Amino acid sequence: MIFRTFDARLMLTFHSPNNTPEERPVFVEIEEHGDDIRIKT
């Protein structure tokens, strides 16, 4: 899922590893560049 935080940062979230019961949420900040979305470094 991609969403904006309350302070307007763009975030990608997913579960990893994809094995129950070890899965945990991962949050990665991303940024838009024209028509592209990239991981913010």
N, C-alpha and C. Protein backbone atom coordinates (compact mmCIF):
# COMPACT_ATOMS: atom_id res chain seq x y z
N MET A 1 0.84 -1.15 0.00
CA MET A 1 0.00 0.00 0.00
C MET A 1 0.90 1.23 0.00
N ILE A 2 0.49 2.25 -0.73
CA ILE A 2 1.16 3.54 -0.73
C ILE A 2 0.23 4.54 -0.07
N PHE A 3 0.79 5.37 0.83
CA PHE A 3 -0.03 6.36 1.53
C PHE A 3 0.83 7.56 1.90
N ARG A 4 0.16 8.66 2.27
CA ARG A 4 0.84 9.86 2.77
C ARG A 4 0.67 9.93 4.28
N THR A 5 1.76 10.29 4.95
CA THR A 5 1.71 10.46 6.40
C THR A 5 1.05 11.81 6.72
N PHE A 6 0.80 12.04 8.01
CA PHE A 6 0.20 13.31 8.42
C PHE A 6 1.11 14.50 8.11
N ASP A 7 2.42 14.26 8.01
CA ASP A 7 3.34 15.35 7.64
C ASP A 7 3.68 15.31 6.14
N ALA A 8 2.83 14.66 5.34
CA ALA A 8 2.86 14.66 3.86
C ALA A 8 3.98 13.83 3.23
N ARG A 9 4.67 12.97 4.00
CA ARG A 9 5.67 12.08 3.39
C ARG A 9 4.94 10.94 2.68
N LEU A 10 5.48 10.48 1.57
CA LEU A 10 4.91 9.38 0.80
C LEU A 10 5.57 8.09 1.26
N MET A 11 4.77 7.09 1.63
CA MET A 11 5.28 5.85 2.21
C MET A 11 4.74 4.63 1.47
N LEU A 12 5.55 3.59 1.43
CA LEU A 12 5.17 2.28 0.92
C LEU A 12 5.22 1.33 2.11
N THR A 13 4.19 0.51 2.29
CA THR A 13 4.20 -0.47 3.36
C THR A 13 3.86 -1.85 2.81
N PHE A 14 4.49 -2.88 3.39
CA PHE A 14 4.24 -4.27 3.01
C PHE A 14 4.63 -5.15 4.18
N HIS A 15 4.26 -6.41 4.13
CA HIS A 15 4.62 -7.36 5.18
C HIS A 15 5.81 -8.20 4.73
N SER A 16 6.73 -8.42 5.67
CA SER A 16 7.91 -9.23 5.36
C SER A 16 8.40 -9.90 6.63
N PRO A 17 8.85 -11.12 6.59
CA PRO A 17 8.71 -12.06 5.49
C PRO A 17 7.25 -12.46 5.33
N ASN A 18 6.91 -13.02 4.24
CA ASN A 18 5.51 -13.35 3.97
C ASN A 18 5.18 -14.75 4.50
N ASN A 19 5.55 -15.01 5.76
CA ASN A 19 5.30 -16.29 6.41
C ASN A 19 4.64 -16.05 7.76
N THR A 20 3.46 -16.60 7.95
CA THR A 20 2.78 -16.48 9.23
C THR A 20 3.46 -17.41 10.22
N PRO A 21 3.74 -17.07 11.42
CA PRO A 21 3.44 -15.84 12.17
C PRO A 21 4.62 -14.87 12.22
N GLU A 22 5.61 -14.99 11.36
CA GLU A 22 6.80 -14.13 11.42
C GLU A 22 6.62 -12.78 10.72
N GLU A 23 5.53 -12.59 9.96
CA GLU A 23 5.41 -11.38 9.17
C GLU A 23 5.24 -10.14 10.04
N ARG A 24 5.88 -9.07 9.62
CA ARG A 24 5.85 -7.77 10.30
C ARG A 24 5.72 -6.68 9.25
N PRO A 25 5.10 -5.55 9.60
CA PRO A 25 5.01 -4.45 8.62
C PRO A 25 6.37 -3.79 8.40
N VAL A 26 6.61 -3.40 7.16
CA VAL A 26 7.82 -2.67 6.78
C VAL A 26 7.34 -1.36 6.16
N PHE A 27 7.95 -0.25 6.56
CA PHE A 27 7.59 1.06 6.03
C PHE A 27 8.82 1.67 5.35
N VAL A 28 8.64 2.08 4.09
CA VAL A 28 9.73 2.62 3.29
C VAL A 28 9.28 3.98 2.75
N GLU A 29 10.10 5.01 2.98
CA GLU A 29 9.76 6.32 2.43
C GLU A 29 10.11 6.34 0.94
N ILE A 30 9.19 6.83 0.13
CA ILE A 30 9.38 6.91 -1.32
C ILE A 30 9.13 8.34 -1.76
N GLU A 31 9.50 8.64 -3.01
CA GLU A 31 9.28 9.97 -3.55
C GLU A 31 8.89 9.87 -5.02
N GLU A 32 8.13 10.85 -5.46
CA GLU A 32 7.70 10.91 -6.85
C GLU A 32 8.69 11.72 -7.67
N HIS A 33 8.98 11.24 -8.88
CA HIS A 33 9.83 11.95 -9.85
C HIS A 33 9.10 11.88 -11.18
N GLY A 34 8.29 12.87 -11.47
CA GLY A 34 7.49 12.84 -12.70
C GLY A 34 6.51 11.69 -12.64
N ASP A 35 6.62 10.76 -13.59
CA ASP A 35 5.74 9.59 -13.62
C ASP A 35 6.31 8.40 -12.86
N ASP A 36 7.47 8.58 -12.23
CA ASP A 36 8.15 7.48 -11.51
C ASP A 36 7.98 7.63 -10.00
N ILE A 37 8.07 6.52 -9.30
CA ILE A 37 8.13 6.49 -7.85
C ILE A 37 9.41 5.78 -7.49
N ARG A 38 10.21 6.40 -6.58
CA ARG A 38 11.51 5.84 -6.19
C ARG A 38 11.64 5.78 -4.68
N ILE A 39 12.45 4.85 -4.21
CA ILE A 39 12.76 4.78 -2.79
C ILE A 39 13.61 6.00 -2.45
N LYS A 40 13.23 6.70 -1.39
CA LYS A 40 13.97 7.89 -0.98
C LYS A 40 15.28 7.46 -0.31
N THR A 41 16.38 8.04 -0.76
CA THR A 41 17.69 7.71 -0.19
C THR A 41 18.24 8.82 0.64
